[in-house]
Amino acid sequence: MPIIRPRLTDFHNILLPQAHTDFAIPFLDEDIPLYLDPFLLWRSPSQQDQALHTSLINSFNHLGYLAKQGREQDAIDLLIALSECDEVGLGLSRTREGHRIGAPTAEKILSLFHDIPQYYKAGFVHFEEIQFFVEHISKDRISDFACSFLKSFLIDYTIQQCQTIGIPMSMVHLQVYSYSENCLKSETVNLPVNPENGKPIIFVPKRWLRFTPWINFDEYFAESCPKDAKPESAADQRVTVLTYNRQNYGAVLEFVARKERTAGDCTNDPLFAQLPVNSAKASLQAIRSLPLSSGPGDRNDRTYEREMARLLASAFYPQLDFAEAQTRTDSGVLIRDLIFYNNRSHPFLDELIAKYDCRQIVMEMKNVRQIDGGNISQLNRYLTDQLGRFGVLLTRRPLPARMFRNTIDLWSAHRRCIIALTDDDLDLIVNLFESKQRDPIDVLHKKYVEFARACPG
């Protein structure tokens, strides 16, 4: 069984928690569901970020200059080429590959420099505004344009981060926008590559990332777009509003001005946000009050799985980065697992690497009255050389003595370790999560120590 949702650092055996890196750690086979928000550069206290925003806007406005000089085709070609930046892996793609805009969309973007007096005279201050006038432009496209214009800086940033933490790099060829020459140039540089396809990977600072750009269409539509511009048909809404905005661009400028006035509230979004303590306690209460499973498909099982995922992903952060809640099939039975990256950020986790080659921790959820041999065998089959030989059963009650003996025998024969976390252990986890006196992962460590002491020799 391969690693679940592999990251670049995991492939190179660099076990860093996401919380300890300055950049968003890229996945190898899918995008990170965040976007580069140019507004974060504009409102940043960093002079470097502000200067980068200025170069970004100047580069975008140069496209309007080209169109005015009769070089519209050059501007269209540039817009199309810059509309996708696969190297950064931001967005919602399951393949880390996107699609560029077409010529008609590029032409509509360029027409803004001619049709709207504000942009004709002074250009854009926030090029994110194009989403209010042009169809097929949304947060993913804004992010890709920004990454493409800033690619030269991001390449240097990526090289620096790789040298700092020891990520290998290879020579690659790619197109990079030259701010000084206002054109794309072919460059050969050292960058990390995706081991699955050899394509270059570029890092993006976490401080520039948001789930939704500060200046966004949905908020404008809900709060600032005049009611008479909103059609009753949902299918016609966006096109009608875009047409209205072109004829009444002052409404957009007023919305953007309001967003500038509240810039102090604009912060980057974390890649993972822990539950508040009250929510963690509510999840524990929900788990405690659940009836035990009555069989496959029991809706109580789904509640148990949902609340366990919410609770443990928060409680074990940042020592463990949550990878995925995954469904698998074992002999026709659907099984829900929680998968965590082992970041080696705690002495206990370091021991799991050394003794069990545990690169990812698999936690199998069982809302049953009593764990049996079949449950242990199911999890045992999932403990592979790539994931490691350590697993956790999440269950309601302690293992019966015979089943605990089963896990000891499994260790003796194959050096595989399976421990159980029960409702009582969850109580302690939540208490530590609330008090902050110790890390909740110490509960997992405690259960492991108890297991190790029971092992022979």
Protein backbone atom coordinates (compact mmCIF):
# COMPACT_ATOMS: atom_id res chain seq x y z
CA MET A 1 0.00 0.00 0.00
CA PRO A 2 1.66 3.29 -1.09
CA ILE A 3 1.79 6.41 1.04
CA ILE A 4 -1.56 8.20 1.19
CA ARG A 5 -1.55 11.71 -0.36
CA PRO A 6 2.26 11.75 -0.69
CA ARG A 7 4.04 15.06 -0.21
CA LEU A 8 7.38 16.11 -1.70
CA THR A 9 9.07 16.11 1.71
CA ASP A 10 7.80 12.60 2.51
CA PHE A 11 9.21 11.23 -0.73
CA HIS A 12 12.66 12.56 0.18
CA ASN A 13 12.32 11.33 3.77
CA ILE A 14 12.40 14.89 5.11
CA LEU A 15 9.95 14.64 7.98
CA LEU A 16 8.93 18.22 8.66
CA PRO A 17 5.60 19.31 10.14
CA GLN A 18 3.70 21.73 7.92
CA ALA A 19 3.59 24.15 10.87
CA HIS A 20 7.40 24.38 10.85
CA THR A 21 7.82 25.36 7.19
CA ASP A 22 7.53 28.81 5.61
CA PHE A 23 5.93 27.36 2.47
CA ALA A 24 2.97 25.11 1.69
CA ILE A 25 4.37 21.59 1.30
CA PRO A 26 3.29 20.37 -2.18
CA PHE A 27 1.41 17.14 -2.76
CA LEU A 28 2.77 14.96 -5.56
CA ASP A 29 -0.55 13.92 -7.10
CA GLU A 30 -3.00 16.75 -6.40
CA ASP A 31 -3.23 20.48 -5.75
CA ILE A 32 -3.19 22.26 -2.40
CA PRO A 33 -6.73 23.71 -2.01
CA LEU A 34 -5.49 27.27 -1.46
CA TYR A 35 -4.78 30.23 -3.73
CA LEU A 36 -2.22 32.99 -3.93
CA ASP A 37 -4.07 36.22 -3.08
CA PRO A 38 -2.36 39.33 -4.54
CA PHE A 39 -4.12 41.48 -1.93
CA LEU A 40 -1.98 39.88 0.79
CA LEU A 41 1.11 41.28 -0.95
CA TRP A 42 -0.53 44.71 -1.32
CA ARG A 43 -1.42 44.98 2.39
CA SER A 44 1.76 43.30 3.67
CA PRO A 45 4.05 45.28 6.02
CA SER A 46 7.00 43.75 4.15
CA GLN A 47 8.61 46.13 1.66
CA GLN A 48 9.61 43.10 -0.40
CA ASP A 49 6.01 41.94 -0.70
CA GLN A 50 4.83 45.44 -1.56
CA ALA A 51 7.51 45.74 -4.23
CA LEU A 52 6.49 42.38 -5.68
CA HIS A 53 2.88 43.54 -5.83
CA THR A 54 3.98 46.68 -7.67
CA SER A 55 5.92 44.62 -10.23
CA LEU A 56 2.93 42.27 -10.58
CA ILE A 57 0.52 45.13 -11.31
CA ASN A 58 2.96 46.92 -13.61
CA SER A 59 3.43 43.70 -15.58
CA PHE A 60 -0.31 43.18 -15.91
CA ASN A 61 -0.91 46.80 -16.94
CA HIS A 62 1.80 46.44 -19.58
CA LEU A 63 -0.59 44.13 -21.41
CA GLY A 64 -2.95 47.08 -21.79
CA TYR A 65 -0.07 49.18 -23.09
CA LEU A 66 0.69 46.53 -25.73
CA ALA A 67 -2.93 46.54 -26.86
CA LYS A 68 -2.95 50.34 -27.15
CA GLN A 69 0.22 50.17 -29.25
CA GLY A 70 -1.42 47.89 -31.78
CA ARG A 71 0.27 44.76 -30.41
CA GLU A 72 -2.93 43.15 -29.23
CA GLN A 73 -1.96 39.68 -30.48
CA ASP A 74 1.25 39.80 -28.43
CA ALA A 75 -0.80 40.71 -25.36
CA ILE A 76 -3.29 37.89 -26.06
CA ASP A 77 -0.50 35.35 -26.45
CA LEU A 78 1.04 36.47 -23.15
CA LEU A 79 -2.27 36.32 -21.29
CA ILE A 80 -2.92 32.80 -22.51
CA ALA A 81 0.59 31.62 -21.61
CA LEU A 82 0.42 33.19 -18.13
CA SER A 83 -3.07 31.91 -17.28
CA GLU A 84 -1.87 28.58 -15.86
CA CYS A 85 0.99 27.82 -13.47
CA ASP A 86 1.05 24.07 -12.87
CA GLU A 87 4.40 24.20 -11.08
CA VAL A 88 2.90 25.70 -7.89
CA GLY A 89 0.14 23.09 -7.51
CA LEU A 90 -2.51 25.40 -6.04
CA GLY A 91 -6.23 24.87 -6.55
CA LEU A 92 -8.54 21.89 -6.77
CA SER A 93 -7.04 19.74 -9.52
CA ARG A 94 -6.59 16.04 -8.71
CA THR A 95 -3.74 15.82 -11.21
CA ARG A 96 -1.73 19.04 -10.64
CA GLU A 97 -2.56 20.03 -14.21
CA GLY A 98 -4.85 22.83 -15.34
CA HIS A 99 -6.05 24.41 -18.58
CA ARG A 100 -5.19 27.79 -20.03
CA ILE A 101 -7.77 30.37 -21.04
CA GLY A 102 -8.75 30.69 -24.68
CA ALA A 103 -8.24 33.64 -27.01
CA PRO A 104 -11.84 34.96 -26.57
CA THR A 105 -11.35 35.25 -22.79
CA ALA A 106 -7.99 36.95 -23.26
CA GLU A 107 -9.58 39.43 -25.66
CA LYS A 108 -12.30 40.26 -23.12
CA ILE A 109 -9.67 40.92 -20.45
CA LEU A 110 -7.76 43.25 -22.77
CA SER A 111 -10.97 45.07 -23.72
CA LEU A 112 -11.22 46.33 -20.14
CA PHE A 113 -8.28 48.65 -20.83
CA HIS A 114 -10.35 50.24 -23.59
CA ASP A 115 -13.94 50.03 -22.35
CA ILE A 116 -13.58 51.21 -18.75
CA PRO A 117 -12.22 54.76 -18.36
CA GLN A 118 -10.55 54.09 -15.01
CA TYR A 119 -8.41 51.30 -16.46
CA TYR A 120 -7.81 53.15 -19.73
CA LYS A 121 -6.32 56.13 -17.89
CA ALA A 122 -4.48 54.56 -14.95
CA GLY A 123 -4.60 50.79 -15.32
CA PHE A 124 -5.37 48.42 -12.47
CA VAL A 125 -4.38 48.73 -8.83
CA HIS A 126 -5.84 45.30 -8.08
CA PHE A 127 -5.97 43.14 -11.18
CA GLU A 128 -8.28 40.75 -9.27
CA GLU A 129 -11.03 43.12 -10.47
CA ILE A 130 -11.08 41.37 -13.85
CA GLN A 131 -13.28 38.66 -12.26
CA PHE A 132 -16.09 41.25 -11.96
CA PHE A 133 -16.16 41.84 -15.72
CA VAL A 134 -15.03 38.69 -17.53
CA GLU A 135 -16.60 35.24 -17.53
CA HIS A 136 -14.42 32.19 -16.73
CA ILE A 137 -12.20 34.25 -14.41
CA SER A 138 -12.32 33.18 -10.77
CA LYS A 139 -10.01 32.68 -7.79
CA ASP A 140 -7.99 29.88 -9.38
CA ARG A 141 -7.28 31.96 -12.48
CA ILE A 142 -6.34 35.04 -10.42
CA SER A 143 -3.92 32.89 -8.45
CA ASP A 144 -2.37 31.38 -11.58
CA PHE A 145 -1.85 34.78 -13.19
CA ALA A 146 -0.17 36.06 -10.03
CA CYS A 147 2.08 33.00 -9.73
CA SER A 148 3.08 33.25 -13.39
CA PHE A 149 4.04 36.93 -13.13
CA LEU A 150 5.94 36.28 -9.87
CA LYS A 151 7.55 33.04 -11.03
CA SER A 152 11.08 34.45 -11.12
CA PHE A 153 10.89 35.37 -7.43
CA LEU A 154 9.20 32.07 -6.54
CA ILE A 155 11.98 30.12 -8.25
CA ASP A 156 14.63 31.87 -6.15
CA TYR A 157 12.49 31.35 -3.05
CA THR A 158 12.11 27.64 -3.80
CA ILE A 159 15.83 27.16 -4.35
CA GLN A 160 16.57 28.87 -1.01
CA GLN A 161 14.06 26.68 0.86
CA CYS A 162 15.38 23.50 -0.75
CA GLN A 163 18.94 24.35 0.19
CA THR A 164 17.87 25.10 3.76
CA ILE A 165 16.02 21.83 4.43
CA GLY A 166 17.88 19.54 2.02
CA ILE A 167 15.39 18.81 -0.76
CA PRO A 168 17.22 17.52 -3.87
CA MET A 169 16.93 19.54 -7.09
CA SER A 170 17.42 18.85 -10.78
CA MET A 171 18.02 20.97 -13.86
CA VAL A 172 14.74 21.83 -15.57
CA HIS A 173 13.61 24.06 -18.44
CA LEU A 174 10.63 26.40 -18.08
CA GLN A 175 9.18 29.68 -19.27
CA VAL A 176 9.64 32.62 -16.88
CA TYR A 177 8.18 36.12 -17.18
CA SER A 178 10.91 38.79 -17.34
CA TYR A 179 9.82 41.98 -15.56
CA SER A 180 12.60 44.01 -17.18
CA GLU A 181 11.76 42.88 -20.73
CA ASN A 182 8.00 42.28 -20.28
CA CYS A 183 8.09 38.96 -22.05
CA LEU A 184 8.46 35.22 -21.43
CA LYS A 185 11.95 33.81 -21.56
CA SER A 186 13.17 30.24 -21.47
CA GLU A 187 15.33 29.49 -18.44
CA THR A 188 17.26 26.49 -17.19
CA VAL A 189 17.32 26.33 -13.39
CA ASN A 190 17.70 23.91 -10.50
CA LEU A 191 14.33 23.05 -8.93
CA PRO A 192 12.75 20.14 -7.10
CA VAL A 193 10.86 17.81 -9.42
CA ASN A 194 7.88 15.55 -9.06
CA PRO A 195 9.34 12.02 -8.89
CA GLU A 196 6.23 10.64 -10.60
CA ASN A 197 6.58 12.66 -13.82
CA GLY A 198 9.79 14.71 -13.60
CA LYS A 199 7.94 18.04 -13.79
CA PRO A 200 9.30 21.02 -11.81
CA ILE A 201 7.76 22.06 -8.50
CA ILE A 202 7.70 25.63 -7.17
CA PHE A 203 6.96 26.61 -3.56
CA VAL A 204 4.68 29.45 -2.44
CA PRO A 205 5.00 31.22 0.94
CA LYS A 206 2.16 30.38 3.33
CA ARG A 207 1.71 34.07 4.13
CA TRP A 208 0.32 34.67 0.60
CA LEU A 209 -2.34 31.96 0.64
CA ARG A 210 -6.10 32.14 1.20
CA PHE A 211 -9.05 29.86 0.49
CA THR A 212 -10.86 32.82 -1.10
CA PRO A 213 -9.22 36.05 -2.33
CA TRP A 214 -9.97 39.13 -0.25
CA ILE A 215 -11.48 40.73 -3.34
CA ASN A 216 -13.91 38.12 -4.65
CA PHE A 217 -17.02 37.90 -6.81
CA ASP A 218 -19.19 35.93 -4.36
CA GLU A 219 -18.93 38.57 -1.64
CA TYR A 220 -19.55 41.37 -4.12
CA PHE A 221 -22.63 39.58 -5.45
CA ALA A 222 -24.03 38.91 -1.98
CA GLU A 223 -23.34 42.25 -0.34
CA SER A 224 -22.60 45.00 -2.87
CA CYS A 225 -24.24 44.20 -6.20
CA PRO A 226 -27.47 46.25 -6.59
CA LYS A 227 -30.62 44.14 -6.37
CA ASP A 228 -31.87 45.29 -9.77
CA ALA A 229 -28.74 43.77 -11.34
CA LYS A 230 -29.49 40.31 -9.98
CA PRO A 231 -31.66 38.12 -12.23
CA GLU A 232 -34.06 35.61 -10.73
CA SER A 233 -32.58 32.73 -12.69
CA ALA A 234 -29.45 31.36 -11.02
CA ALA A 235 -28.15 30.22 -14.41
CA ASP A 236 -28.14 33.82 -15.69
CA GLN A 237 -26.77 35.50 -12.58
CA ARG A 238 -23.07 35.70 -13.32
CA VAL A 239 -23.39 36.79 -16.95
CA THR A 240 -25.99 39.43 -16.09
CA VAL A 241 -23.92 40.82 -13.24
CA LEU A 242 -20.76 40.93 -15.38
CA THR A 243 -22.65 42.90 -18.03
CA TYR A 244 -24.03 45.27 -15.37
CA ASN A 245 -20.54 45.84 -13.96
CA ARG A 246 -19.12 46.82 -17.34
CA GLN A 247 -21.80 49.48 -17.65
CA ASN A 248 -21.61 50.54 -14.00
CA TYR A 249 -17.98 50.00 -13.07
CA GLY A 250 -18.32 52.47 -10.20
CA ALA A 251 -20.10 49.76 -8.19
CA VAL A 252 -17.01 47.56 -8.45
CA LEU A 253 -14.63 50.38 -7.57
CA GLU A 254 -16.73 51.21 -4.51
CA PHE A 255 -16.64 47.58 -3.38
CA VAL A 256 -12.85 47.43 -3.84
CA ALA A 257 -12.42 50.69 -1.92
CA ARG A 258 -14.36 49.17 1.00
CA LYS A 259 -12.17 46.08 0.92
CA GLU A 260 -9.10 48.33 1.04
CA ARG A 261 -10.47 50.15 4.10
CA THR A 262 -10.83 46.82 5.91
CA ALA A 263 -7.43 45.51 4.77
CA GLY A 264 -6.38 45.07 8.39
CA ASP A 265 -8.76 42.13 8.64
CA CYS A 266 -7.18 40.35 5.68
CA THR A 267 -4.87 37.55 6.84
CA ASN A 268 -3.60 34.40 5.25
CA ASP A 269 -5.51 31.17 5.85
CA PRO A 270 -3.71 28.34 7.63
CA LEU A 271 -3.45 25.04 5.79
CA PHE A 272 -5.04 23.42 8.84
CA ALA A 273 -7.12 25.06 11.55
CA GLN A 274 -7.60 23.32 14.88
CA LEU A 275 -11.02 23.00 16.47
CA PRO A 276 -11.81 25.35 19.34
CA VAL A 277 -11.75 23.61 22.73
CA ASN A 278 -15.54 23.80 23.02
CA SER A 279 -15.93 22.05 19.66
CA ALA A 280 -13.47 19.34 20.70
CA LYS A 281 -15.45 18.76 23.89
CA ALA A 282 -18.66 18.64 21.86
CA SER A 283 -17.15 15.97 19.59
CA LEU A 284 -16.14 13.94 22.64
CA GLN A 285 -19.64 14.21 24.08
CA ALA A 286 -21.14 13.13 20.76
CA ILE A 287 -18.85 10.08 20.68
CA ARG A 288 -19.55 9.18 24.29
CA SER A 289 -23.31 9.27 23.74
CA LEU A 290 -23.31 7.13 20.58
CA PRO A 291 -24.83 3.65 20.67
CA LEU A 292 -22.53 0.85 19.58
CA SER A 293 -22.77 -0.38 15.99
CA SER A 294 -25.62 -2.68 15.06
CA GLY A 295 -23.92 -3.81 11.85
CA PRO A 296 -22.61 -2.60 8.45
CA GLY A 297 -24.13 0.70 7.31
CA ASP A 298 -25.13 1.78 10.82
CA ARG A 299 -25.54 5.57 10.75
CA ASN A 300 -24.00 5.75 14.24
CA ASP A 301 -20.77 4.48 12.67
CA ARG A 302 -20.73 7.45 10.30
CA THR A 303 -21.20 9.86 13.20
CA TYR A 304 -18.42 8.13 15.13
CA GLU A 305 -16.07 8.36 12.19
CA ARG A 306 -16.85 12.03 11.52
CA GLU A 307 -16.39 13.14 15.12
CA MET A 308 -13.23 11.08 15.61
CA ALA A 309 -11.67 12.64 12.51
CA ARG A 310 -12.55 16.18 13.67
CA LEU A 311 -11.29 15.58 17.19
CA LEU A 312 -8.03 13.72 16.60
CA ALA A 313 -6.91 15.81 13.60
CA SER A 314 -7.00 18.84 15.90
CA ALA A 315 -5.74 17.20 19.09
CA PHE A 316 -2.62 15.67 17.51
CA TYR A 317 -1.69 18.83 15.56
CA PRO A 318 1.03 20.01 14.98
CA GLN A 319 2.99 16.88 15.96
CA LEU A 320 0.97 14.93 13.39
CA ASP A 321 -0.28 16.46 10.14
CA PHE A 322 -3.64 15.00 9.14
CA ALA A 323 -3.47 13.37 5.72
CA GLU A 324 -6.90 11.95 4.99
CA ALA A 325 -9.98 10.13 6.23
CA GLN A 326 -9.99 7.21 3.82
CA THR A 327 -12.41 4.46 2.97
CA ARG A 328 -10.99 1.08 2.02
CA THR A 329 -12.44 -2.35 1.38
CA ASP A 330 -11.21 -5.47 3.12
CA SER A 331 -12.92 -8.76 2.12
CA GLY A 332 -16.01 -6.86 1.04
CA VAL A 333 -16.23 -4.82 4.27
CA LEU A 334 -15.94 -1.04 4.11
CA ILE A 335 -13.43 0.30 6.63
CA ARG A 336 -12.75 3.89 7.59
CA ASP A 337 -9.21 4.93 8.42
CA LEU A 338 -7.60 8.12 9.63
CA ILE A 339 -4.18 8.65 8.07
CA PHE A 340 -1.55 10.92 9.65
CA TYR A 341 1.88 11.93 8.40
CA ASN A 342 4.62 11.00 10.85
CA ASN A 343 6.67 14.20 10.94
CA ARG A 344 9.18 12.85 13.46
CA SER A 345 8.51 15.95 15.58
CA HIS A 346 8.30 14.12 18.92
CA PRO A 347 10.71 11.57 20.46
CA PHE A 348 7.91 8.97 20.42
CA LEU A 349 7.31 9.54 16.69
CA ASP A 350 11.05 9.27 16.06
CA GLU A 351 10.99 5.88 17.78
CA LEU A 352 8.15 4.73 15.50
CA ILE A 353 10.33 5.53 12.49
CA ALA A 354 13.36 3.74 13.95
CA LYS A 355 11.56 0.58 15.12
CA TYR A 356 8.61 0.23 12.74
CA ASP A 357 9.52 2.29 9.63
CA CYS A 358 6.29 4.17 10.34
CA ARG A 359 6.07 7.01 7.81
CA GLN A 360 2.31 7.28 8.13
CA ILE A 361 0.14 6.32 11.09
CA VAL A 362 -3.01 4.41 10.22
CA MET A 363 -5.88 4.61 12.72
CA GLU A 364 -8.79 2.26 12.03
CA MET A 365 -12.16 3.24 13.53
CA LYS A 366 -14.37 0.56 15.09
CA ASN A 367 -17.57 1.60 16.86
CA VAL A 368 -18.11 -1.96 18.12
CA ARG A 369 -18.88 -3.58 21.45
CA GLN A 370 -15.73 -5.64 21.42
CA ILE A 371 -12.70 -5.91 19.13
CA ASP A 372 -12.23 -9.39 17.70
CA GLY A 373 -9.46 -11.20 15.87
CA GLY A 374 -10.88 -10.24 12.50
CA ASN A 375 -10.58 -6.52 13.34
CA ILE A 376 -6.93 -6.94 14.29
CA SER A 377 -6.20 -8.97 11.18
CA GLN A 378 -7.78 -6.29 8.98
CA LEU A 379 -5.52 -3.56 10.35
CA ASN A 380 -2.50 -5.88 10.30
CA ARG A 381 -2.91 -6.41 6.54
CA TYR A 382 -2.75 -2.65 6.08
CA LEU A 383 0.62 -2.28 7.82
CA THR A 384 2.98 -2.41 4.86
CA ASP A 385 6.64 -1.61 4.32
CA GLN A 386 5.73 1.77 2.83
CA LEU A 387 3.33 2.91 5.56
CA GLY A 388 5.11 1.16 8.42
CA ARG A 389 4.35 -1.55 10.93
CA PHE A 390 2.51 0.54 13.52
CA GLY A 391 -1.25 1.00 13.67
CA VAL A 392 -3.98 2.20 16.01
CA LEU A 393 -7.45 0.79 16.65
CA LEU A 394 -9.94 3.49 17.64
CA THR A 395 -12.61 1.70 19.60
CA ARG A 396 -15.04 2.24 22.44
CA ARG A 397 -13.73 -0.15 25.07
CA PRO A 398 -10.39 -1.71 26.09
CA LEU A 399 -9.24 -4.78 24.21
CA PRO A 400 -10.31 -8.07 25.80
CA ALA A 401 -7.37 -9.87 27.40
CA ARG A 402 -7.35 -12.48 24.63
CA MET A 403 -7.23 -9.81 21.91
CA PHE A 404 -4.47 -7.91 23.70
CA ARG A 405 -2.54 -11.19 23.80
CA ASN A 406 -3.19 -11.44 20.05
CA THR A 407 -1.44 -8.08 19.47
CA ILE A 408 1.52 -9.18 21.61
CA ASP A 409 1.84 -12.39 19.58
CA LEU A 410 1.73 -10.33 16.38
CA TRP A 411 4.63 -8.25 17.66
CA SER A 412 6.58 -11.33 18.68
CA ALA A 413 6.16 -12.99 15.29
CA HIS A 414 6.38 -10.04 12.90
CA ARG A 415 7.48 -7.00 14.94
CA ARG A 416 4.20 -5.23 14.19
CA CYS A 417 2.65 -2.98 16.80
CA ILE A 418 -1.11 -2.40 17.14
CA ILE A 419 -2.45 -0.39 20.08
CA ALA A 420 -5.97 0.71 20.97
CA LEU A 421 -7.40 4.12 21.95
CA THR A 422 -10.71 3.98 23.82
CA ASP A 423 -13.34 6.45 24.99
CA ASP A 424 -11.47 6.85 28.27
CA ASP A 425 -8.31 7.73 26.35
CA LEU A 426 -10.30 10.34 24.42
CA ASP A 427 -11.30 11.92 27.73
CA LEU A 428 -7.65 12.36 28.63
CA ILE A 429 -6.79 13.64 25.15
CA VAL A 430 -9.46 16.34 25.35
CA ASN A 431 -8.40 17.29 28.89
CA LEU A 432 -4.83 17.84 27.70
CA PHE A 433 -6.06 19.68 24.61
CA GLU A 434 -7.98 22.05 26.88
CA SER A 435 -5.37 22.53 29.61
CA LYS A 436 -2.36 22.90 27.23
CA GLN A 437 -0.17 21.53 30.03
CA ARG A 438 1.00 18.61 27.90
CA ASP A 439 0.58 17.50 24.32
CA PRO A 440 -2.39 15.19 23.63
CA ILE A 441 -0.07 12.95 21.63
CA ASP A 442 1.42 11.96 25.00
CA VAL A 443 -1.70 9.79 25.46
CA LEU A 444 -0.79 7.86 22.32
CA HIS A 445 2.75 7.56 23.66
CA LYS A 446 1.45 6.27 27.02
CA LYS A 447 -0.54 3.52 25.32
CA TYR A 448 2.51 2.55 23.29
CA VAL A 449 4.69 2.34 26.43
CA GLU A 450 2.10 0.10 28.09
CA PHE A 451 2.15 -2.15 25.04
CA ALA A 452 5.95 -2.24 24.87
CA ARG A 453 6.22 -3.23 28.55
CA ALA A 454 3.92 -6.20 27.91
CA CYS A 455 6.05 -7.47 25.04
CA PRO A 456 8.50 -10.30 25.81
CA GLY A 457 12.19 -9.60 26.10
